[in-house]
Amino acid sequence: EATYLDLAAETLDHAAEVLNLPEADTEDLRAASTDLAEALVHVLRVA
């Protein structure tokens, strides 16, 4: 559970970096979205 919460925080930080890119690549946005969705599934189960 602690690992999932830590990874979710790291994933959120990374997604914010991707979203702040002036010209974010579609592939990077898709990967960030996929990672965020997976992290959210784990965090909701922990919650």
All heavy atoms as atom14 arrays in JSON, in Angstrom:
{
  "sequence": "EATYLDLAAETLDHAAEVLNLPEADTEDLRAASTDLAEALVHVLRVA",
  "atom14_mask": [
    [1, 1, 1, 1, 1, 1, 1, 1, 1, 0, 0, 0, 0, 0],
    [1, 1, 1, 1, 1, 0, 0, 0, 0, 0, 0, 0, 0, 0],
    [1, 1, 1, 1, 1, 1, 1, 0, 0, 0, 0, 0, 0, 0],
    [1, 1, 1, 1, 1, 1, 1, 1, 1, 1, 1, 1, 0, 0],
    [1, 1, 1, 1, 1, 1, 1, 1, 0, 0, 0, 0, 0, 0],
    [1, 1, 1, 1, 1, 1, 1, 1, 0, 0, 0, 0, 0, 0],
    [1, 1, 1, 1, 1, 1, 1, 1, 0, 0, 0, 0, 0, 0],
    [1, 1, 1, 1, 1, 0, 0, 0, 0, 0, 0, 0, 0, 0],
    [1, 1, 1, 1, 1, 0, 0, 0, 0, 0, 0, 0, 0, 0],
    [1, 1, 1, 1, 1, 1, 1, 1, 1, 0, 0, 0, 0, 0],
    [1, 1, 1, 1, 1, 1, 1, 0, 0, 0, 0, 0, 0, 0],
    [1, 1, 1, 1, 1, 1, 1, 1, 0, 0, 0, 0, 0, 0],
    [1, 1, 1, 1, 1, 1, 1, 1, 0, 0, 0, 0, 0, 0],
    [1, 1, 1, 1, 1, 1, 1, 1, 1, 1, 0, 0, 0, 0],
    [1, 1, 1, 1, 1, 0, 0, 0, 0, 0, 0, 0, 0, 0],
    [1, 1, 1, 1, 1, 0, 0, 0, 0, 0, 0, 0, 0, 0],
    [1, 1, 1, 1, 1, 1, 1, 1, 1, 0, 0, 0, 0, 0],
    [1, 1, 1, 1, 1, 1, 1, 0, 0, 0, 0, 0, 0, 0],
    [1, 1, 1, 1, 1, 1, 1, 1, 0, 0, 0, 0, 0, 0],
    [1, 1, 1, 1, 1, 1, 1, 1, 0, 0, 0, 0, 0, 0],
    [1, 1, 1, 1, 1, 1, 1, 1, 0, 0, 0, 0, 0, 0],
    [1, 1, 1, 1, 1, 1, 1, 0, 0, 0, 0, 0, 0, 0],
    [1, 1, 1, 1, 1, 1, 1, 1, 1, 0, 0, 0, 0, 0],
    [1, 1, 1, 1, 1, 0, 0, 0, 0, 0, 0, 0, 0, 0],
    [1, 1, 1, 1, 1, 1, 1, 1, 0, 0, 0, 0, 0, 0],
    [1, 1, 1, 1, 1, 1, 1, 0, 0, 0, 0, 0, 0, 0],
    [1, 1, 1, 1, 1, 1, 1, 1, 1, 0, 0, 0, 0, 0],
    [1, 1, 1, 1, 1, 1, 1, 1, 0, 0, 0, 0, 0, 0],
    [1, 1, 1, 1, 1, 1, 1, 1, 0, 0, 0, 0, 0, 0],
    [1, 1, 1, 1, 1, 1, 1, 1, 1, 1, 1, 0, 0, 0],
    [1, 1, 1, 1, 1, 0, 0, 0, 0, 0, 0, 0, 0, 0],
    [1, 1, 1, 1, 1, 0, 0, 0, 0, 0, 0, 0, 0, 0],
    [1, 1, 1, 1, 1, 1, 0, 0, 0, 0, 0, 0, 0, 0],
    [1, 1, 1, 1, 1, 1, 1, 0, 0, 0, 0, 0, 0, 0],
    [1, 1, 1, 1, 1, 1, 1, 1, 0, 0, 0, 0, 0, 0],
    [1, 1, 1, 1, 1, 1, 1, 1, 0, 0, 0, 0, 0, 0],
    [1, 1, 1, 1, 1, 0, 0, 0, 0, 0, 0, 0, 0, 0],
    [1, 1, 1, 1, 1, 1, 1, 1, 1, 0, 0, 0, 0, 0],
    [1, 1, 1, 1, 1, 0, 0, 0, 0, 0, 0, 0, 0, 0],
    [1, 1, 1, 1, 1, 1, 1, 1, 0, 0, 0, 0, 0, 0],
    [1, 1, 1, 1, 1, 1, 1, 0, 0, 0, 0, 0, 0, 0],
    [1, 1, 1, 1, 1, 1, 1, 1, 1, 1, 0, 0, 0, 0],
    [1, 1, 1, 1, 1, 1, 1, 0, 0, 0, 0, 0, 0, 0],
    [1, 1, 1, 1, 1, 1, 1, 1, 0, 0, 0, 0, 0, 0],
    [1, 1, 1, 1, 1, 1, 1, 1, 1, 1, 1, 0, 0, 0],
    [1, 1, 1, 1, 1, 1, 1, 0, 0, 0, 0, 0, 0, 0],
    [1, 1, 1, 1, 1, 0, 0, 0, 0, 0, 0, 0, 0, 0]
  ],
  "atom14_positions": [
    [[0.83, -1.2, 0.0], [0.0, 0.0, 0.0], [0.87, 1.25, 0.0], [0.64, 2.19, -0.77], [-0.93, 0.01, 1.21], [-2.1, -0.92, 1.11], [-3.03, -0.85, 2.31], [-2.72, -0.11, 3.29], [-4.08, -1.51, 2.28], [0.0, 0.0, 0.0], [0.0, 0.0, 0.0], [0.0, 0.0, 0.0], [0.0, 0.0, 0.0], [0.0, 0.0, 0.0]],
    [[1.88, 1.28, 0.86], [2.78, 2.43, 0.94], [3.52, 2.62, -0.39], [3.69, 3.76, -0.86], [3.77, 2.27, 2.08], [0.0, 0.0, 0.0], [0.0, 0.0, 0.0], [0.0, 0.0, 0.0], [0.0, 0.0, 0.0], [0.0, 0.0, 0.0], [0.0, 0.0, 0.0], [0.0, 0.0, 0.0], [0.0, 0.0, 0.0], [0.0, 0.0, 0.0]],
    [[3.94, 1.52, -0.99], [4.63, 1.59, -2.28], [3.71, 2.16, -3.36], [4.13, 3.02, -4.14], [5.13, 0.18, -2.69], [6.03, -0.29, -1.7], [5.82, 0.2, -4.04], [0.0, 0.0, 0.0], [0.0, 0.0, 0.0], [0.0, 0.0, 0.0], [0.0, 0.0, 0.0], [0.0, 0.0, 0.0], [0.0, 0.0, 0.0], [0.0, 0.0, 0.0]],
    [[2.47, 1.69, -3.4], [1.51, 2.2, -4.38], [1.28, 3.71, -4.2], [1.19, 4.45, -5.18], [0.17, 1.48, -4.28], [0.13, 0.12, -4.92], [-0.76, -0.85, -4.49], [0.96, -0.22, -5.98], [-0.83, -2.09, -5.09], [0.91, -1.47, -6.59], [0.01, -2.4, -6.14], [-0.06, -3.64, -6.74], [0.0, 0.0, 0.0], [0.0, 0.0, 0.0]],
    [[1.19, 4.16, -2.95], [0.97, 5.59, -2.71], [2.18, 6.41, -3.13], [2.04, 7.48, -3.73], [0.62, 5.83, -1.24], [-0.7, 5.22, -0.78], [-0.89, 5.44, 0.72], [-1.88, 5.79, -1.55], [0.0, 0.0, 0.0], [0.0, 0.0, 0.0], [0.0, 0.0, 0.0], [0.0, 0.0, 0.0], [0.0, 0.0, 0.0], [0.0, 0.0, 0.0]],
    [[3.38, 5.91, -2.85], [4.6, 6.61, -3.27], [4.69, 6.67, -4.79], [5.02, 7.71, -5.37], [5.85, 5.92, -2.71], [6.0, 6.09, -1.21], [5.35, 7.0, -0.64], [6.76, 5.32, -0.6], [0.0, 0.0, 0.0], [0.0, 0.0, 0.0], [0.0, 0.0, 0.0], [0.0, 0.0, 0.0], [0.0, 0.0, 0.0], [0.0, 0.0, 0.0]],
    [[4.41, 5.55, -5.44], [4.47, 5.51, -6.92], [3.42, 6.43, -7.53], [3.67, 7.08, -8.56], [4.27, 4.08, -7.42], [5.45, 3.13, -7.21], [5.06, 1.7, -7.57], [6.65, 3.58, -8.02], [0.0, 0.0, 0.0], [0.0, 0.0, 0.0], [0.0, 0.0, 0.0], [0.0, 0.0, 0.0], [0.0, 0.0, 0.0], [0.0, 0.0, 0.0]],
    [[2.27, 6.53, -6.91], [1.23, 7.43, -7.43], [1.69, 8.88, -7.35], [1.48, 9.66, -8.29], [-0.07, 7.24, -6.64], [0.0, 0.0, 0.0], [0.0, 0.0, 0.0], [0.0, 0.0, 0.0], [0.0, 0.0, 0.0], [0.0, 0.0, 0.0], [0.0, 0.0, 0.0], [0.0, 0.0, 0.0], [0.0, 0.0, 0.0], [0.0, 0.0, 0.0]],
    [[2.35, 9.24, -6.26], [2.87, 10.61, -6.13], [3.93, 10.89, -7.19], [3.93, 11.96, -7.82], [3.44, 10.82, -4.73], [0.0, 0.0, 0.0], [0.0, 0.0, 0.0], [0.0, 0.0, 0.0], [0.0, 0.0, 0.0], [0.0, 0.0, 0.0], [0.0, 0.0, 0.0], [0.0, 0.0, 0.0], [0.0, 0.0, 0.0], [0.0, 0.0, 0.0]],
    [[4.81, 9.92, -7.42], [5.84, 10.08, -8.45], [5.21, 10.17, -9.84], [5.64, 10.98, -10.67], [6.82, 8.91, -8.4], [7.7, 8.9, -7.18], [8.55, 7.63, -7.07], [8.73, 6.92, -8.09], [9.03, 7.36, -5.97], [0.0, 0.0, 0.0], [0.0, 0.0, 0.0], [0.0, 0.0, 0.0], [0.0, 0.0, 0.0], [0.0, 0.0, 0.0]],
    [[4.19, 9.36, -10.09], [3.5, 9.37, -11.38], [2.82, 10.71, -11.6], [2.86, 11.27, -12.71], [2.48, 8.22, -11.45], [3.15, 6.98, -11.24], [1.76, 8.18, -12.77], [0.0, 0.0, 0.0], [0.0, 0.0, 0.0], [0.0, 0.0, 0.0], [0.0, 0.0, 0.0], [0.0, 0.0, 0.0], [0.0, 0.0, 0.0], [0.0, 0.0, 0.0]],
    [[2.21, 11.25, -10.56], [1.56, 12.55, -10.67], [2.58, 13.64, -10.98], [2.34, 14.51, -11.83], [0.8, 12.86, -9.38], [-0.02, 14.15, -9.36], [-1.05, 14.17, -10.48], [-0.68, 14.32, -8.01], [0.0, 0.0, 0.0], [0.0, 0.0, 0.0], [0.0, 0.0, 0.0], [0.0, 0.0, 0.0], [0.0, 0.0, 0.0], [0.0, 0.0, 0.0]],
    [[3.72, 13.6, -10.31], [4.79, 14.58, -10.58], [5.25, 14.49, -12.03], [5.43, 15.51, -12.7], [5.98, 14.36, -9.64], [5.69, 14.77, -8.21], [4.7, 15.51, -7.98], [6.45, 14.35, -7.31], [0.0, 0.0, 0.0], [0.0, 0.0, 0.0], [0.0, 0.0, 0.0], [0.0, 0.0, 0.0], [0.0, 0.0, 0.0], [0.0, 0.0, 0.0]],
    [[5.45, 13.27, -12.51], [5.9, 13.08, -13.89], [4.84, 13.58, -14.88], [5.17, 14.24, -15.88], [6.23, 11.61, -14.16], [6.62, 11.36, -15.58], [7.79, 11.82, -16.13], [5.96, 10.72, -16.59], [7.86, 11.47, -17.4], [6.76, 10.79, -17.71], [0.0, 0.0, 0.0], [0.0, 0.0, 0.0], [0.0, 0.0, 0.0], [0.0, 0.0, 0.0]],
    [[3.59, 13.28, -14.62], [2.51, 13.72, -15.51], [2.46, 15.25, -15.55], [2.24, 15.83, -16.62], [1.17, 13.14, -15.06], [0.0, 0.0, 0.0], [0.0, 0.0, 0.0], [0.0, 0.0, 0.0], [0.0, 0.0, 0.0], [0.0, 0.0, 0.0], [0.0, 0.0, 0.0], [0.0, 0.0, 0.0], [0.0, 0.0, 0.0], [0.0, 0.0, 0.0]],
    [[2.65, 15.89, -14.41], [2.66, 17.36, -14.37], [3.79, 17.91, -15.24], [3.61, 18.91, -15.94], [2.79, 17.85, -12.94], [0.0, 0.0, 0.0], [0.0, 0.0, 0.0], [0.0, 0.0, 0.0], [0.0, 0.0, 0.0], [0.0, 0.0, 0.0], [0.0, 0.0, 0.0], [0.0, 0.0, 0.0], [0.0, 0.0, 0.0], [0.0, 0.0, 0.0]],
    [[4.95, 17.25, -15.19], [6.08, 17.68, -16.03], [5.72, 17.55, -17.51], [6.0, 18.46, -18.3], [7.31, 16.83, -15.72], [7.93, 17.1, -14.38], [9.06, 16.12, -14.05], [9.47, 15.34, -14.93], [9.51, 16.13, -12.89], [0.0, 0.0, 0.0], [0.0, 0.0, 0.0], [0.0, 0.0, 0.0], [0.0, 0.0, 0.0], [0.0, 0.0, 0.0]],
    [[5.12, 16.43, -17.89], [4.73, 16.21, -19.29], [3.71, 17.27, -19.71], [3.8, 17.85, -20.8], [4.17, 14.79, -19.5], [3.55, 14.64, -20.89], [5.26, 13.75, -19.29], [0.0, 0.0, 0.0], [0.0, 0.0, 0.0], [0.0, 0.0, 0.0], [0.0, 0.0, 0.0], [0.0, 0.0, 0.0], [0.0, 0.0, 0.0], [0.0, 0.0, 0.0]],
    [[2.73, 17.54, -18.86], [1.69, 18.52, -19.2], [2.24, 19.94, -19.3], [1.66, 20.79, -19.99], [0.56, 18.46, -18.18], [-0.29, 17.19, -18.21], [-1.24, 17.15, -17.02], [-1.04, 17.08, -19.52], [0.0, 0.0, 0.0], [0.0, 0.0, 0.0], [0.0, 0.0, 0.0], [0.0, 0.0, 0.0], [0.0, 0.0, 0.0], [0.0, 0.0, 0.0]],
    [[3.34, 20.21, -18.62], [3.94, 21.54, -18.66], [4.89, 21.74, -19.84], [5.39, 22.85, -20.04], [4.66, 21.85, -17.35], [3.69, 22.16, -16.23], [2.66, 22.76, -16.46], [4.03, 21.73, -15.03], [0.0, 0.0, 0.0], [0.0, 0.0, 0.0], [0.0, 0.0, 0.0], [0.0, 0.0, 0.0], [0.0, 0.0, 0.0], [0.0, 0.0, 0.0]],
    [[5.12, 20.68, -20.6], [5.96, 20.83, -21.79], [5.25, 21.73, -22.8], [4.04, 21.58, -23.01], [6.26, 19.48, -22.43], [7.14, 18.51, -21.63], [7.19, 17.16, -22.34], [8.54, 19.09, -21.48], [0.0, 0.0, 0.0], [0.0, 0.0, 0.0], [0.0, 0.0, 0.0], [0.0, 0.0, 0.0], [0.0, 0.0, 0.0], [0.0, 0.0, 0.0]],
    [[5.98, 22.66, -23.44], [5.33, 23.55, -24.41], [4.65, 22.79, -25.55], [3.57, 23.16, -25.98], [6.48, 24.4, -24.95], [7.63, 24.18, -24.04], [7.38, 22.92, -23.28], [0.0, 0.0, 0.0], [0.0, 0.0, 0.0], [0.0, 0.0, 0.0], [0.0, 0.0, 0.0], [0.0, 0.0, 0.0], [0.0, 0.0, 0.0], [0.0, 0.0, 0.0]],
    [[5.28, 21.75, -26.01], [4.69, 20.94, -27.09], [4.78, 19.47, -26.69], [5.65, 18.74, -27.17], [5.43, 21.19, -28.4], [5.26, 22.6, -28.91], [5.94, 22.82, -30.25], [6.12, 21.84, -31.0], [6.29, 23.97, -30.53], [0.0, 0.0, 0.0], [0.0, 0.0, 0.0], [0.0, 0.0, 0.0], [0.0, 0.0, 0.0], [0.0, 0.0, 0.0]],
    [[3.87, 19.07, -25.82], [3.87, 17.69, -25.35], [3.54, 16.74, -26.5], [2.59, 16.96, -27.25], [2.89, 17.51, -24.21], [0.0, 0.0, 0.0], [0.0, 0.0, 0.0], [0.0, 0.0, 0.0], [0.0, 0.0, 0.0], [0.0, 0.0, 0.0], [0.0, 0.0, 0.0], [0.0, 0.0, 0.0], [0.0, 0.0, 0.0], [0.0, 0.0, 0.0]],
    [[4.33, 15.71, -26.62], [4.15, 14.69, -27.66], [2.92, 13.84, -27.32], [2.67, 13.51, -26.16], [5.42, 13.83, -27.69], [5.38, 12.76, -28.73], [4.9, 11.66, -28.4], [5.83, 13.02, -29.86], [0.0, 0.0, 0.0], [0.0, 0.0, 0.0], [0.0, 0.0, 0.0], [0.0, 0.0, 0.0], [0.0, 0.0, 0.0], [0.0, 0.0, 0.0]],
    [[2.15, 13.48, -28.32], [0.94, 12.66, -28.12], [1.28, 11.35, -27.44], [0.55, 10.88, -26.55], [0.26, 12.38, -29.48], [-0.01, 13.61, -30.12], [-1.03, 11.61, -29.29], [0.0, 0.0, 0.0], [0.0, 0.0, 0.0], [0.0, 0.0, 0.0], [0.0, 0.0, 0.0], [0.0, 0.0, 0.0], [0.0, 0.0, 0.0], [0.0, 0.0, 0.0]],
    [[2.38, 10.75, -27.83], [2.8, 9.48, -27.23], [3.11, 9.65, -25.74], [2.74, 8.81, -24.92], [4.03, 8.96, -27.98], [4.31, 7.5, -27.76], [5.43, 7.01, -28.68], [5.3, 7.18, -29.91], [6.41, 6.49, -28.14], [0.0, 0.0, 0.0], [0.0, 0.0, 0.0], [0.0, 0.0, 0.0], [0.0, 0.0, 0.0], [0.0, 0.0, 0.0]],
    [[3.78, 10.76, -25.38], [4.09, 11.02, -23.98], [2.81, 11.28, -23.18], [2.69, 10.83, -22.04], [5.03, 12.22, -23.85], [6.43, 11.92, -24.35], [6.82, 10.73, -24.37], [7.15, 12.88, -24.73], [0.0, 0.0, 0.0], [0.0, 0.0, 0.0], [0.0, 0.0, 0.0], [0.0, 0.0, 0.0], [0.0, 0.0, 0.0], [0.0, 0.0, 0.0]],
    [[1.88, 12.01, -23.76], [0.6, 12.28, -23.08], [-0.18, 10.99, -22.86], [-0.76, 10.78, -21.79], [-0.24, 13.27, -23.89], [0.27, 14.7, -23.92], [-0.51, 15.52, -24.94], [0.2, 15.33, -22.54], [0.0, 0.0, 0.0], [0.0, 0.0, 0.0], [0.0, 0.0, 0.0], [0.0, 0.0, 0.0], [0.0, 0.0, 0.0], [0.0, 0.0, 0.0]],
    [[-0.19, 10.12, -23.86], [-0.89, 8.84, -23.73], [-0.24, 7.99, -22.64], [-0.93, 7.38, -21.81], [-0.9, 8.1, -25.06], [-1.66, 6.77, -24.98], [-1.82, 6.11, -26.33], [-2.9, 6.81, -27.05], [-2.76, 7.4, -28.23], [-1.61, 7.37, -28.85], [-3.78, 7.99, -28.8], [0.0, 0.0, 0.0], [0.0, 0.0, 0.0], [0.0, 0.0, 0.0]],
    [[1.08, 7.94, -22.61], [1.79, 7.16, -21.6], [1.52, 7.71, -20.2], [1.27, 6.95, -19.26], [3.29, 7.14, -21.9], [0.0, 0.0, 0.0], [0.0, 0.0, 0.0], [0.0, 0.0, 0.0], [0.0, 0.0, 0.0], [0.0, 0.0, 0.0], [0.0, 0.0, 0.0], [0.0, 0.0, 0.0], [0.0, 0.0, 0.0], [0.0, 0.0, 0.0]],
    [[1.55, 9.03, -20.07], [1.28, 9.65, -18.77], [-0.15, 9.35, -18.32], [-0.39, 9.04, -17.14], [1.52, 11.15, -18.83], [0.0, 0.0, 0.0], [0.0, 0.0, 0.0], [0.0, 0.0, 0.0], [0.0, 0.0, 0.0], [0.0, 0.0, 0.0], [0.0, 0.0, 0.0], [0.0, 0.0, 0.0], [0.0, 0.0, 0.0], [0.0, 0.0, 0.0]],
    [[-1.1, 9.42, -19.25], [-2.5, 9.12, -18.93], [-2.67, 7.67, -18.49], [-3.39, 7.38, -17.52], [-3.4, 9.39, -20.13], [-3.35, 10.75, -20.48], [0.0, 0.0, 0.0], [0.0, 0.0, 0.0], [0.0, 0.0, 0.0], [0.0, 0.0, 0.0], [0.0, 0.0, 0.0], [0.0, 0.0, 0.0], [0.0, 0.0, 0.0], [0.0, 0.0, 0.0]],
    [[-2.02, 6.77, -19.19], [-2.09, 5.35, -18.85], [-1.5, 5.1, -17.46], [-2.09, 4.38, -16.64], [-1.35, 4.51, -19.9], [-1.96, 4.74, -21.17], [-1.39, 3.03, -19.58], [0.0, 0.0, 0.0], [0.0, 0.0, 0.0], [0.0, 0.0, 0.0], [0.0, 0.0, 0.0], [0.0, 0.0, 0.0], [0.0, 0.0, 0.0], [0.0, 0.0, 0.0]],
    [[-0.35, 5.71, -17.19], [0.29, 5.56, -15.88], [-0.58, 6.13, -14.77], [-0.69, 5.55, -13.69], [1.66, 6.23, -15.87], [2.67, 5.52, -16.76], [2.41, 4.37, -17.18], [3.73, 6.14, -17.06], [0.0, 0.0, 0.0], [0.0, 0.0, 0.0], [0.0, 0.0, 0.0], [0.0, 0.0, 0.0], [0.0, 0.0, 0.0], [0.0, 0.0, 0.0]],
    [[-1.19, 7.3, -15.03], [-2.07, 7.91, -14.03], [-3.29, 7.03, -13.74], [-3.7, 6.87, -12.59], [-2.54, 9.29, -14.49], [-1.52, 10.41, -14.36], [-2.02, 11.66, -15.08], [-1.23, 10.72, -12.91], [0.0, 0.0, 0.0], [0.0, 0.0, 0.0], [0.0, 0.0, 0.0], [0.0, 0.0, 0.0], [0.0, 0.0, 0.0], [0.0, 0.0, 0.0]],
    [[-3.87, 6.46, -14.79], [-5.04, 5.58, -14.61], [-4.67, 4.36, -13.77], [-5.43, 3.97, -12.87], [-5.6, 5.17, -15.97], [0.0, 0.0, 0.0], [0.0, 0.0, 0.0], [0.0, 0.0, 0.0], [0.0, 0.0, 0.0], [0.0, 0.0, 0.0], [0.0, 0.0, 0.0], [0.0, 0.0, 0.0], [0.0, 0.0, 0.0], [0.0, 0.0, 0.0]],
    [[-3.53, 3.76, -14.05], [-3.08, 2.6, -13.28], [-2.84, 2.98, -11.82], [-3.25, 2.26, -10.9], [-1.81, 2.02, -13.9], [-1.31, 0.78, -13.2], [-0.06, 0.21, -13.83], [0.25, 0.54, -14.99], [0.62, -0.59, -13.16], [0.0, 0.0, 0.0], [0.0, 0.0, 0.0], [0.0, 0.0, 0.0], [0.0, 0.0, 0.0], [0.0, 0.0, 0.0]],
    [[-2.19, 4.12, -11.6], [-1.92, 4.58, -10.24], [-3.22, 4.84, -9.49], [-3.35, 4.51, -8.31], [-1.04, 5.82, -10.26], [0.0, 0.0, 0.0], [0.0, 0.0, 0.0], [0.0, 0.0, 0.0], [0.0, 0.0, 0.0], [0.0, 0.0, 0.0], [0.0, 0.0, 0.0], [0.0, 0.0, 0.0], [0.0, 0.0, 0.0], [0.0, 0.0, 0.0]],
    [[-4.2, 5.41, -10.19], [-5.48, 5.72, -9.56], [-6.2, 4.44, -9.13], [-6.79, 4.39, -8.05], [-6.35, 6.54, -10.5], [-7.7, 7.01, -9.95], [-7.52, 7.84, -8.69], [-8.44, 7.81, -11.02], [0.0, 0.0, 0.0], [0.0, 0.0, 0.0], [0.0, 0.0, 0.0], [0.0, 0.0, 0.0], [0.0, 0.0, 0.0], [0.0, 0.0, 0.0]],
    [[-6.15, 3.41, -9.94], [-6.75, 2.13, -9.57], [-6.15, 1.62, -8.26], [-6.88, 1.2, -7.34], [-6.56, 1.09, -10.7], [-6.89, -0.32, -10.22], [-7.41, 1.45, -11.9], [0.0, 0.0, 0.0], [0.0, 0.0, 0.0], [0.0, 0.0, 0.0], [0.0, 0.0, 0.0], [0.0, 0.0, 0.0], [0.0, 0.0, 0.0], [0.0, 0.0, 0.0]],
    [[-4.82, 1.67, -8.15], [-4.15, 1.19, -6.94], [-4.51, 2.06, -5.73], [-4.79, 1.55, -4.64], [-2.64, 1.17, -7.13], [-2.17, 0.15, -8.1], [-2.44, -1.2, -7.99], [-1.42, 0.27, -9.23], [-1.9, -1.86, -8.98], [-1.28, -1.0, -9.76], [0.0, 0.0, 0.0], [0.0, 0.0, 0.0], [0.0, 0.0, 0.0], [0.0, 0.0, 0.0]],
    [[-4.5, 3.38, -5.9], [-4.78, 4.29, -4.8], [-6.23, 4.14, -4.32], [-6.49, 4.17, -3.12], [-4.48, 5.75, -5.21], [-5.02, 6.74, -4.2], [-2.97, 5.94, -5.36], [0.0, 0.0, 0.0], [0.0, 0.0, 0.0], [0.0, 0.0, 0.0], [0.0, 0.0, 0.0], [0.0, 0.0, 0.0], [0.0, 0.0, 0.0], [0.0, 0.0, 0.0]],
    [[-7.15, 3.96, -5.25], [-8.55, 3.76, -4.84], [-8.72, 2.47, -4.05], [-9.49, 2.42, -3.09], [-9.47, 3.77, -6.07], [-9.67, 5.14, -6.72], [-10.46, 5.0, -8.01], [-10.35, 6.1, -5.77], [0.0, 0.0, 0.0], [0.0, 0.0, 0.0], [0.0, 0.0, 0.0], [0.0, 0.0, 0.0], [0.0, 0.0, 0.0], [0.0, 0.0, 0.0]],
    [[-8.0, 1.42, -4.44], [-8.08, 0.16, -3.7], [-7.51, 0.34, -2.29], [-8.07, -0.15, -1.31], [-7.35, -0.96, -4.43], [-7.52, -2.33, -3.74], [-6.78, -3.42, -4.45], [-7.3, -3.66, -5.77], [-8.15, -4.64, -6.08], [-8.57, -5.45, -5.15], [-8.57, -4.8, -7.31], [0.0, 0.0, 0.0], [0.0, 0.0, 0.0], [0.0, 0.0, 0.0]],
    [[-6.4, 1.07, -2.18], [-5.8, 1.34, -0.87], [-6.78, 2.15, -0.03], [-7.01, 1.84, 1.15], [-4.45, 2.08, -1.01], [-3.96, 2.58, 0.34], [-3.4, 1.17, -1.65], [0.0, 0.0, 0.0], [0.0, 0.0, 0.0], [0.0, 0.0, 0.0], [0.0, 0.0, 0.0], [0.0, 0.0, 0.0], [0.0, 0.0, 0.0], [0.0, 0.0, 0.0]],
    [[-7.38, 3.18, -0.61], [-8.33, 4.02, 0.12], [-9.54, 3.2, 0.59], [-9.98, 3.35, 1.73], [-8.78, 5.18, -0.76], [0.0, 0.0, 0.0], [0.0, 0.0, 0.0], [0.0, 0.0, 0.0], [0.0, 0.0, 0.0], [0.0, 0.0, 0.0], [0.0, 0.0, 0.0], [0.0, 0.0, 0.0], [0.0, 0.0, 0.0], [0.0, 0.0, 0.0]]
  ]
}
